[in-house]
């Protein structure tokens, strides 16, 4: 299944802007890099600040966000990248679209049925929306950047934290 917010023409027009901005950010913020999967991305820019590069400090991450926003992008910090895209959509709006269009589920009526798990500030809309929201342990380093924290945070980090959630759900 594939569904884009913008038309092919809009995406094509944005590709050159995204590539140019990626080069600009890599030159302006020492130590960052294009994400290793950037060449597979069709609609966003991902700048690596700690996956395949030495971890950058918050000031550098904030500088990446500011450079993206200055070019009109929506910018969100994940646990390993700063992601930027043109448009005001986010994980929540696209989750609503996916569930409605492909599964016939009106999320606003059924959100209590779902558990959302995430690991970074870019998950904030989901944490705020879902009553059953879970952050994995490494989210603690970002909690001060979240407008709403998840309902629960696992003890363990990353994949082990997701595993902790799965164990809990299966035991219940």
N, C-alpha and C. Protein backbone atom coordinates (compact mmCIF):
# COMPACT_ATOMS: atom_id res chain seq x y z
N UNK A 1 0.84 -1.17 0.00
CA UNK A 1 0.00 0.00 0.00
C UNK A 1 0.89 1.24 0.00
N UNK A 2 0.55 2.17 -0.83
CA UNK A 2 1.24 3.45 -0.86
C UNK A 2 0.22 4.56 -0.96
N UNK A 3 0.44 5.59 -0.18
CA UNK A 3 -0.47 6.74 -0.21
C UNK A 3 0.36 7.96 0.14
N UNK A 4 0.36 8.95 -0.70
CA UNK A 4 1.10 10.17 -0.46
C UNK A 4 0.13 11.31 -0.17
N UNK A 5 0.58 12.27 0.62
CA UNK A 5 -0.21 13.45 0.91
C UNK A 5 -0.18 14.40 -0.29
N UNK A 6 0.97 14.47 -0.93
CA UNK A 6 1.14 15.41 -2.04
C UNK A 6 1.16 14.66 -3.38
N UNK A 7 0.93 15.41 -4.43
CA UNK A 7 0.91 14.82 -5.77
C UNK A 7 2.32 14.48 -6.23
N UNK A 8 2.42 13.71 -7.30
CA UNK A 8 3.73 13.39 -7.87
C UNK A 8 4.46 14.66 -8.27
N UNK A 9 3.76 15.61 -8.87
CA UNK A 9 4.39 16.86 -9.28
C UNK A 9 4.93 17.63 -8.06
N UNK A 10 4.19 17.65 -6.99
CA UNK A 10 4.65 18.33 -5.77
C UNK A 10 5.86 17.62 -5.18
N UNK A 11 5.83 16.29 -5.19
CA UNK A 11 6.96 15.53 -4.65
C UNK A 11 8.20 15.74 -5.51
N UNK A 12 8.02 15.75 -6.81
CA UNK A 12 9.14 15.97 -7.73
C UNK A 12 9.74 17.35 -7.49
N UNK A 13 8.91 18.35 -7.35
CA UNK A 13 9.40 19.71 -7.11
C UNK A 13 10.15 19.81 -5.78
N UNK A 14 9.74 19.05 -4.80
CA UNK A 14 10.36 19.10 -3.48
C UNK A 14 11.69 18.36 -3.44
N UNK A 15 11.91 17.40 -4.32
CA UNK A 15 13.12 16.57 -4.26
C UNK A 15 14.40 17.39 -4.35
N UNK A 16 14.45 18.33 -5.26
CA UNK A 16 15.65 19.16 -5.39
C UNK A 16 15.85 20.03 -4.16
N UNK A 17 14.76 20.56 -3.62
CA UNK A 17 14.85 21.37 -2.40
C UNK A 17 15.36 20.53 -1.23
N UNK A 18 14.85 19.31 -1.13
CA UNK A 18 15.28 18.41 -0.05
C UNK A 18 16.76 18.09 -0.18
N UNK A 19 17.21 17.76 -1.38
CA UNK A 19 18.61 17.43 -1.60
C UNK A 19 19.51 18.62 -1.27
N UNK A 20 19.13 19.80 -1.73
CA UNK A 20 19.93 21.00 -1.47
C UNK A 20 19.98 21.31 0.01
N UNK A 21 18.86 21.18 0.68
CA UNK A 21 18.84 21.45 2.12
C UNK A 21 19.68 20.42 2.87
N UNK A 22 19.65 19.18 2.45
CA UNK A 22 20.50 18.16 3.07
C UNK A 22 21.97 18.54 2.99
N UNK A 23 22.40 18.98 1.82
CA UNK A 23 23.80 19.40 1.66
C UNK A 23 24.11 20.61 2.54
N UNK A 24 23.18 21.56 2.59
CA UNK A 24 23.37 22.76 3.40
C UNK A 24 23.54 22.40 4.88
N UNK A 25 22.69 21.53 5.37
CA UNK A 25 22.74 21.16 6.79
C UNK A 25 24.03 20.41 7.11
N UNK A 26 24.41 19.47 6.27
CA UNK A 26 25.64 18.70 6.50
C UNK A 26 26.84 19.64 6.55
N UNK A 27 26.84 20.69 5.72
CA UNK A 27 27.94 21.66 5.72
C UNK A 27 27.87 22.59 6.92
N UNK A 28 26.68 22.89 7.41
CA UNK A 28 26.51 23.88 8.49
C UNK A 28 26.64 23.29 9.89
N UNK A 29 26.38 22.00 10.04
CA UNK A 29 26.39 21.39 11.37
C UNK A 29 27.45 20.28 11.39
N UNK A 30 28.63 20.60 11.91
CA UNK A 30 29.71 19.61 11.93
C UNK A 30 29.31 18.33 12.66
N UNK A 31 29.65 17.21 12.05
CA UNK A 31 29.41 15.91 12.68
C UNK A 31 28.14 15.21 12.24
N UNK A 32 27.21 15.95 11.65
CA UNK A 32 25.99 15.29 11.19
C UNK A 32 26.21 14.73 9.79
N UNK A 33 25.28 13.92 9.32
CA UNK A 33 25.38 13.33 7.98
C UNK A 33 23.97 13.04 7.48
N UNK A 34 23.85 12.87 6.18
CA UNK A 34 22.59 12.35 5.66
C UNK A 34 22.40 10.96 6.22
N UNK A 35 21.18 10.59 6.55
CA UNK A 35 20.91 9.24 7.05
C UNK A 35 21.32 8.23 5.98
N UNK A 36 21.78 7.08 6.43
CA UNK A 36 22.25 6.06 5.49
C UNK A 36 21.15 5.59 4.55
N UNK A 37 19.90 5.76 4.92
CA UNK A 37 18.79 5.36 4.06
C UNK A 37 18.17 6.53 3.30
N UNK A 38 18.83 7.68 3.29
CA UNK A 38 18.25 8.86 2.64
C UNK A 38 17.92 8.61 1.18
N UNK A 39 18.75 7.86 0.48
CA UNK A 39 18.49 7.65 -0.95
C UNK A 39 17.23 6.82 -1.22
N UNK A 40 16.66 6.21 -0.19
CA UNK A 40 15.40 5.46 -0.34
C UNK A 40 14.18 6.33 0.00
N UNK A 41 14.39 7.48 0.55
CA UNK A 41 13.30 8.34 1.00
C UNK A 41 12.73 9.15 -0.16
N UNK A 42 11.42 9.21 -0.22
CA UNK A 42 10.76 9.90 -1.34
C UNK A 42 10.25 11.29 -0.97
N UNK A 43 9.99 11.53 0.30
CA UNK A 43 9.32 12.78 0.65
C UNK A 43 9.93 13.49 1.86
N UNK A 44 10.97 12.97 2.43
CA UNK A 44 11.52 13.64 3.60
C UNK A 44 13.03 13.62 3.59
N UNK A 45 13.58 14.44 4.46
CA UNK A 45 15.02 14.53 4.67
C UNK A 45 15.30 13.98 6.06
N UNK A 46 16.26 13.08 6.15
CA UNK A 46 16.67 12.53 7.44
C UNK A 46 18.14 12.84 7.66
N UNK A 47 18.41 13.59 8.71
CA UNK A 47 19.78 13.94 9.07
C UNK A 47 20.17 13.13 10.30
N UNK A 48 21.21 12.35 10.15
CA UNK A 48 21.73 11.48 11.21
C UNK A 48 22.50 12.33 12.22
N UNK A 49 22.10 12.20 13.49
CA UNK A 49 22.84 12.89 14.54
C UNK A 49 23.40 11.93 15.58
N UNK A 50 23.11 10.60 15.43
CA UNK A 50 23.72 9.66 16.38
C UNK A 50 23.60 8.19 15.98
N UNK A 51 23.16 7.89 14.77
CA UNK A 51 23.05 6.48 14.37
C UNK A 51 24.40 5.97 13.84
N UNK A 52 24.90 6.61 12.81
CA UNK A 52 26.17 6.20 12.20
C UNK A 52 27.26 7.25 12.38
N UNK A 53 26.96 8.29 13.15
CA UNK A 53 27.92 9.34 13.47
C UNK A 53 28.06 9.41 14.98
N UNK A 54 29.13 10.04 15.44
CA UNK A 54 29.28 10.26 16.88
C UNK A 54 28.11 11.14 17.34
N UNK A 55 27.49 10.81 18.46
CA UNK A 55 26.32 11.58 18.91
C UNK A 55 26.62 13.08 19.04
N UNK A 56 25.69 13.87 18.50
CA UNK A 56 25.79 15.32 18.59
C UNK A 56 25.05 15.81 19.83
N UNK A 57 25.44 16.97 20.33
CA UNK A 57 24.76 17.53 21.50
C UNK A 57 23.43 18.16 21.08
N UNK A 58 22.64 18.51 22.09
CA UNK A 58 21.29 19.07 21.82
C UNK A 58 21.36 20.36 21.01
N UNK A 59 22.37 21.15 21.24
CA UNK A 59 22.50 22.41 20.50
C UNK A 59 22.62 22.14 19.00
N UNK A 60 23.41 21.14 18.63
CA UNK A 60 23.57 20.80 17.21
C UNK A 60 22.26 20.25 16.64
N UNK A 61 21.58 19.42 17.41
CA UNK A 61 20.29 18.88 16.96
C UNK A 61 19.29 20.02 16.77
N UNK A 62 19.26 20.94 17.72
CA UNK A 62 18.36 22.10 17.59
C UNK A 62 18.71 22.95 16.38
N UNK A 63 19.98 23.03 16.04
CA UNK A 63 20.41 23.80 14.86
C UNK A 63 19.88 23.13 13.59
N UNK A 64 19.92 21.81 13.54
CA UNK A 64 19.38 21.08 12.38
C UNK A 64 17.89 21.36 12.24
N UNK A 65 17.17 21.28 13.36
CA UNK A 65 15.73 21.58 13.35
C UNK A 65 15.49 23.00 12.83
N UNK A 66 16.25 23.96 13.34
CA UNK A 66 16.06 25.35 12.94
C UNK A 66 16.33 25.55 11.45
N UNK A 67 17.34 24.89 10.91
CA UNK A 67 17.64 25.02 9.48
C UNK A 67 16.50 24.45 8.64
N UNK A 68 15.95 23.33 9.07
CA UNK A 68 14.81 22.75 8.34
C UNK A 68 13.61 23.67 8.40
N UNK A 69 13.29 24.14 9.59
CA UNK A 69 12.12 25.01 9.75
C UNK A 69 12.27 26.32 8.99
N UNK A 70 13.49 26.84 8.91
CA UNK A 70 13.72 28.09 8.18
C UNK A 70 13.44 27.92 6.68
N UNK A 71 13.51 26.70 6.19
CA UNK A 71 13.22 26.41 4.78
C UNK A 71 11.76 25.99 4.57
N UNK A 72 10.94 26.07 5.64
CA UNK A 72 9.53 25.76 5.53
C UNK A 72 9.17 24.31 5.77
N UNK A 73 10.11 23.53 6.27
CA UNK A 73 9.83 22.13 6.57
C UNK A 73 9.22 21.99 7.96
N UNK A 74 8.46 20.94 8.14
CA UNK A 74 8.12 20.46 9.47
C UNK A 74 9.32 19.62 9.89
N UNK A 75 9.85 19.82 11.06
CA UNK A 75 11.03 19.09 11.52
C UNK A 75 10.72 18.42 12.85
N UNK A 76 11.08 17.14 12.94
CA UNK A 76 10.86 16.37 14.16
C UNK A 76 12.10 15.57 14.50
N UNK A 77 12.40 15.51 15.78
CA UNK A 77 13.55 14.76 16.26
C UNK A 77 13.12 13.35 16.57
N UNK A 78 13.82 12.38 15.99
CA UNK A 78 13.60 10.98 16.36
C UNK A 78 14.76 10.56 17.26
N UNK A 79 14.83 9.31 17.60
CA UNK A 79 15.90 8.85 18.48
C UNK A 79 17.25 8.83 17.80
N UNK A 80 17.30 8.89 16.46
CA UNK A 80 18.57 8.82 15.74
C UNK A 80 18.72 9.88 14.64
N UNK A 81 17.62 10.44 14.18
CA UNK A 81 17.64 11.41 13.08
C UNK A 81 16.82 12.64 13.43
N UNK A 82 17.06 13.69 12.67
CA UNK A 82 16.10 14.78 12.59
C UNK A 82 15.45 14.61 11.23
N UNK A 83 14.14 14.47 11.23
CA UNK A 83 13.38 14.27 9.99
C UNK A 83 12.66 15.56 9.64
N UNK A 84 12.71 15.91 8.35
CA UNK A 84 12.01 17.09 7.89
C UNK A 84 11.24 16.79 6.62
N UNK A 85 10.06 17.44 6.48
CA UNK A 85 9.24 17.27 5.29
C UNK A 85 8.42 18.53 5.09
N UNK A 86 7.97 18.69 3.86
CA UNK A 86 7.11 19.82 3.52
C UNK A 86 5.67 19.41 3.73
N UNK A 87 4.93 20.20 4.47
CA UNK A 87 3.54 19.90 4.80
C UNK A 87 3.35 19.87 6.30
N UNK A 88 2.11 19.86 6.72
CA UNK A 88 1.80 19.89 8.15
C UNK A 88 1.29 18.55 8.67
N UNK A 89 1.37 17.52 7.87
CA UNK A 89 0.94 16.20 8.32
C UNK A 89 1.96 15.64 9.32
N UNK A 90 1.51 14.67 10.09
CA UNK A 90 2.38 14.02 11.07
C UNK A 90 1.96 12.57 11.22
N UNK A 91 2.57 11.86 12.16
CA UNK A 91 2.25 10.44 12.34
C UNK A 91 0.77 10.23 12.64
N UNK A 92 0.19 11.09 13.45
CA UNK A 92 -1.21 10.91 13.82
C UNK A 92 -2.13 11.13 12.63
N UNK A 93 -1.95 12.20 11.90
CA UNK A 93 -2.85 12.44 10.76
C UNK A 93 -2.72 11.34 9.72
N UNK A 94 -1.53 10.85 9.50
CA UNK A 94 -1.35 9.78 8.51
C UNK A 94 -1.84 8.43 9.03
N UNK A 95 -1.75 8.22 10.34
CA UNK A 95 -2.32 6.99 10.92
C UNK A 95 -3.83 6.99 10.74
N UNK A 96 -4.46 8.13 10.99
CA UNK A 96 -5.90 8.23 10.75
C UNK A 96 -6.24 7.90 9.30
N UNK A 97 -5.48 8.48 8.37
CA UNK A 97 -5.71 8.24 6.94
C UNK A 97 -5.54 6.76 6.61
N UNK A 98 -4.46 6.16 7.07
CA UNK A 98 -4.20 4.75 6.80
C UNK A 98 -5.33 3.86 7.32
N UNK A 99 -5.70 4.05 8.56
CA UNK A 99 -6.73 3.19 9.14
C UNK A 99 -8.08 3.39 8.47
N UNK A 100 -8.42 4.62 8.13
CA UNK A 100 -9.70 4.89 7.48
C UNK A 100 -9.72 4.36 6.05
N UNK A 101 -8.74 4.74 5.26
CA UNK A 101 -8.76 4.40 3.83
C UNK A 101 -8.47 2.94 3.54
N UNK A 102 -7.60 2.33 4.31
CA UNK A 102 -7.19 0.97 3.99
C UNK A 102 -7.83 -0.10 4.87
N UNK A 103 -8.34 0.31 6.02
CA UNK A 103 -8.90 -0.68 6.95
C UNK A 103 -10.33 -0.36 7.40
N UNK A 104 -10.86 0.78 6.98
CA UNK A 104 -12.22 1.14 7.33
C UNK A 104 -12.43 1.41 8.81
N UNK A 105 -11.39 1.84 9.50
CA UNK A 105 -11.47 2.09 10.94
C UNK A 105 -11.48 3.59 11.19
N UNK A 106 -12.50 4.08 11.87
CA UNK A 106 -12.57 5.48 12.28
C UNK A 106 -11.85 5.59 13.62
N UNK A 107 -10.61 6.02 13.57
CA UNK A 107 -9.74 5.99 14.74
C UNK A 107 -10.30 6.78 15.91
N UNK A 108 -10.94 7.90 15.66
CA UNK A 108 -11.46 8.70 16.77
C UNK A 108 -12.50 7.94 17.60
N UNK A 109 -13.18 7.00 16.99
CA UNK A 109 -14.18 6.20 17.73
C UNK A 109 -13.56 4.98 18.40
N UNK A 110 -12.38 4.58 17.96
CA UNK A 110 -11.83 3.30 18.42
C UNK A 110 -10.42 3.39 19.00
N UNK A 111 -9.95 4.57 19.32
CA UNK A 111 -8.56 4.70 19.73
C UNK A 111 -8.20 3.94 21.01
N UNK A 112 -9.20 3.68 21.86
CA UNK A 112 -8.91 2.92 23.10
C UNK A 112 -8.53 1.47 22.81
N UNK A 113 -8.87 0.99 21.61
CA UNK A 113 -8.53 -0.40 21.24
C UNK A 113 -7.06 -0.58 20.90
N UNK A 114 -6.36 0.52 20.69
CA UNK A 114 -4.99 0.47 20.19
C UNK A 114 -3.98 0.81 21.28
N UNK A 115 -2.79 0.24 21.11
CA UNK A 115 -1.64 0.61 21.92
C UNK A 115 -0.62 1.20 20.96
N UNK A 116 -0.14 2.38 21.27
CA UNK A 116 0.92 2.97 20.47
C UNK A 116 2.21 2.94 21.26
N UNK A 117 3.29 2.50 20.63
CA UNK A 117 4.61 2.50 21.26
C UNK A 117 5.56 3.32 20.42
N UNK A 118 6.36 4.13 21.08
CA UNK A 118 7.33 4.95 20.38
C UNK A 118 8.56 5.18 21.21
N UNK A 119 9.52 5.90 20.60
CA UNK A 119 10.80 6.06 21.27
C UNK A 119 11.40 7.45 21.20
N UNK A 120 10.65 8.43 20.68
CA UNK A 120 11.29 9.73 20.49
C UNK A 120 10.28 10.86 20.37
N UNK A 121 10.77 12.11 20.35
CA UNK A 121 9.88 13.26 20.28
C UNK A 121 8.97 13.29 19.06
N UNK A 122 9.37 12.67 17.95
CA UNK A 122 8.49 12.70 16.78
C UNK A 122 7.22 11.87 17.00
N UNK A 123 7.16 11.14 18.09
CA UNK A 123 5.97 10.37 18.44
C UNK A 123 5.01 11.15 19.33
N UNK A 124 5.32 12.40 19.62
CA UNK A 124 4.51 13.20 20.56
C UNK A 124 3.03 13.26 20.21
N UNK A 125 2.65 13.46 18.94
CA UNK A 125 1.20 13.50 18.65
C UNK A 125 0.51 12.18 19.00
N UNK A 126 1.21 11.09 18.83
CA UNK A 126 0.64 9.78 19.13
C UNK A 126 0.53 9.58 20.65
N UNK A 127 1.56 9.99 21.38
CA UNK A 127 1.51 9.88 22.84
C UNK A 127 0.34 10.68 23.40
N UNK A 128 0.12 11.86 22.86
CA UNK A 128 -0.96 12.73 23.34
C UNK A 128 -2.33 12.17 22.98
N UNK A 129 -2.44 11.51 21.85
CA UNK A 129 -3.74 11.06 21.34
C UNK A 129 -4.20 9.73 21.93
N UNK A 130 -3.29 8.77 22.02
CA UNK A 130 -3.69 7.42 22.45
C UNK A 130 -3.64 7.29 23.96
N UNK A 131 -4.77 6.87 24.58
CA UNK A 131 -4.74 6.66 26.03
C UNK A 131 -3.80 5.53 26.43
N UNK A 132 -3.58 4.59 25.52
CA UNK A 132 -2.66 3.48 25.76
C UNK A 132 -1.36 3.74 24.99
N UNK A 133 -0.63 4.75 25.44
CA UNK A 133 0.63 5.10 24.77
C UNK A 133 1.79 4.65 25.65
N UNK A 134 2.82 4.15 24.97
CA UNK A 134 3.98 3.60 25.67
C UNK A 134 5.25 4.14 25.03
N UNK A 135 6.13 4.63 25.84
CA UNK A 135 7.46 5.00 25.37
C UNK A 135 8.44 3.97 25.87
N UNK A 136 9.40 3.61 25.04
CA UNK A 136 10.45 2.71 25.52
C UNK A 136 11.41 3.52 26.37
N UNK A 137 12.17 2.84 27.21
CA UNK A 137 12.98 3.49 28.23
C UNK A 137 13.87 4.62 27.77
N UNK A 138 14.46 4.50 26.58
CA UNK A 138 15.36 5.56 26.12
C UNK A 138 14.64 6.87 25.84
N UNK A 139 13.32 6.85 25.83
CA UNK A 139 12.55 8.09 25.66
C UNK A 139 12.79 9.04 26.83
N UNK A 140 13.21 8.53 27.96
CA UNK A 140 13.42 9.39 29.13
C UNK A 140 14.35 10.57 28.83
N UNK A 141 15.31 10.38 27.92
CA UNK A 141 16.24 11.47 27.62
C UNK A 141 15.57 12.60 26.86
N UNK A 142 14.33 12.36 26.35
CA UNK A 142 13.62 13.37 25.59
C UNK A 142 12.36 13.89 26.29
N UNK A 143 12.03 13.36 27.45
CA UNK A 143 10.74 13.68 28.08
C UNK A 143 10.56 15.18 28.27
N UNK A 144 11.63 15.90 28.54
CA UNK A 144 11.51 17.35 28.71
C UNK A 144 11.17 18.07 27.40
N UNK A 145 11.23 17.38 26.28
CA UNK A 145 10.89 17.97 24.98
C UNK A 145 9.50 17.56 24.50
N UNK A 146 8.79 16.80 25.30
CA UNK A 146 7.47 16.32 24.90
C UNK A 146 6.37 17.20 25.51
N UNK A 147 5.43 17.65 24.70
CA UNK A 147 4.31 18.40 25.28
C UNK A 147 3.43 17.50 26.15
N UNK A 148 3.36 16.22 25.81
CA UNK A 148 2.63 15.23 26.59
C UNK A 148 3.45 13.95 26.60
N UNK A 149 3.74 13.45 27.77
CA UNK A 149 4.50 12.20 27.87
C UNK A 149 3.57 11.02 27.62
N UNK A 150 4.12 9.87 27.24
CA UNK A 150 3.28 8.69 27.09
C UNK A 150 2.70 8.27 28.44
N UNK A 151 1.64 7.50 28.38
CA UNK A 151 1.00 7.03 29.61
C UNK A 151 1.94 6.14 30.41
N UNK A 152 2.73 5.35 29.72
CA UNK A 152 3.67 4.42 30.35
C UNK A 152 5.04 4.54 29.68
N UNK A 153 6.09 4.25 30.46
CA UNK A 153 7.43 4.15 29.91
C UNK A 153 8.02 2.85 30.41
N UNK A 154 8.56 2.06 29.48
CA UNK A 154 9.15 0.77 29.86
C UNK A 154 10.43 0.98 30.66
N UNK A 155 10.83 -0.03 31.36
CA UNK A 155 12.10 0.02 32.09
C UNK A 155 13.28 -0.08 31.14
N UNK A 156 13.12 -0.88 30.10
CA UNK A 156 14.23 -1.16 29.18
C UNK A 156 14.20 -0.22 27.97
N UNK A 157 15.35 -0.06 27.34
CA UNK A 157 15.50 0.81 26.19
C UNK A 157 15.26 0.07 24.88
N UNK A 158 14.98 0.86 23.84
CA UNK A 158 14.98 0.43 22.44
C UNK A 158 14.20 -0.88 22.23
N UNK A 159 14.78 -1.81 21.49
CA UNK A 159 14.11 -3.06 21.17
C UNK A 159 13.72 -3.86 22.40
N UNK A 160 14.57 -3.83 23.42
CA UNK A 160 14.24 -4.55 24.66
C UNK A 160 13.00 -3.94 25.31
N UNK A 161 12.84 -2.62 25.20
CA UNK A 161 11.65 -1.97 25.73
C UNK A 161 10.40 -2.37 24.98
N UNK A 162 10.50 -2.47 23.64
CA UNK A 162 9.37 -2.95 22.85
C UNK A 162 9.05 -4.39 23.24
N UNK A 163 10.09 -5.20 23.45
CA UNK A 163 9.89 -6.57 23.90
C UNK A 163 9.21 -6.63 25.26
N UNK A 164 9.57 -5.74 26.14
CA UNK A 164 8.94 -5.65 27.46
C UNK A 164 7.45 -5.37 27.31
N UNK A 165 7.08 -4.47 26.42
CA UNK A 165 5.67 -4.18 26.16
C UNK A 165 4.97 -5.40 25.60
N UNK A 166 5.55 -6.07 24.65
CA UNK A 166 4.94 -7.27 24.07
C UNK A 166 4.73 -8.33 25.14
N UNK A 167 5.73 -8.56 25.97
CA UNK A 167 5.57 -9.54 27.06
C UNK A 167 4.41 -9.17 27.97
N UNK A 168 4.29 -7.90 28.29
CA UNK A 168 3.20 -7.42 29.14
C UNK A 168 1.86 -7.69 28.49
N UNK A 169 1.74 -7.36 27.20
CA UNK A 169 0.47 -7.54 26.49
C UNK A 169 0.11 -9.02 26.38
N UNK A 170 1.07 -9.85 26.10
CA UNK A 170 0.80 -11.29 25.97
C UNK A 170 0.45 -11.92 27.31
N UNK A 171 0.98 -11.40 28.38
CA UNK A 171 0.69 -11.95 29.71
C UNK A 171 -0.70 -11.54 30.19
N UNK A 172 -1.23 -10.43 29.63
CA UNK A 172 -2.48 -9.87 30.10
C UNK A 172 -3.66 -10.61 29.64
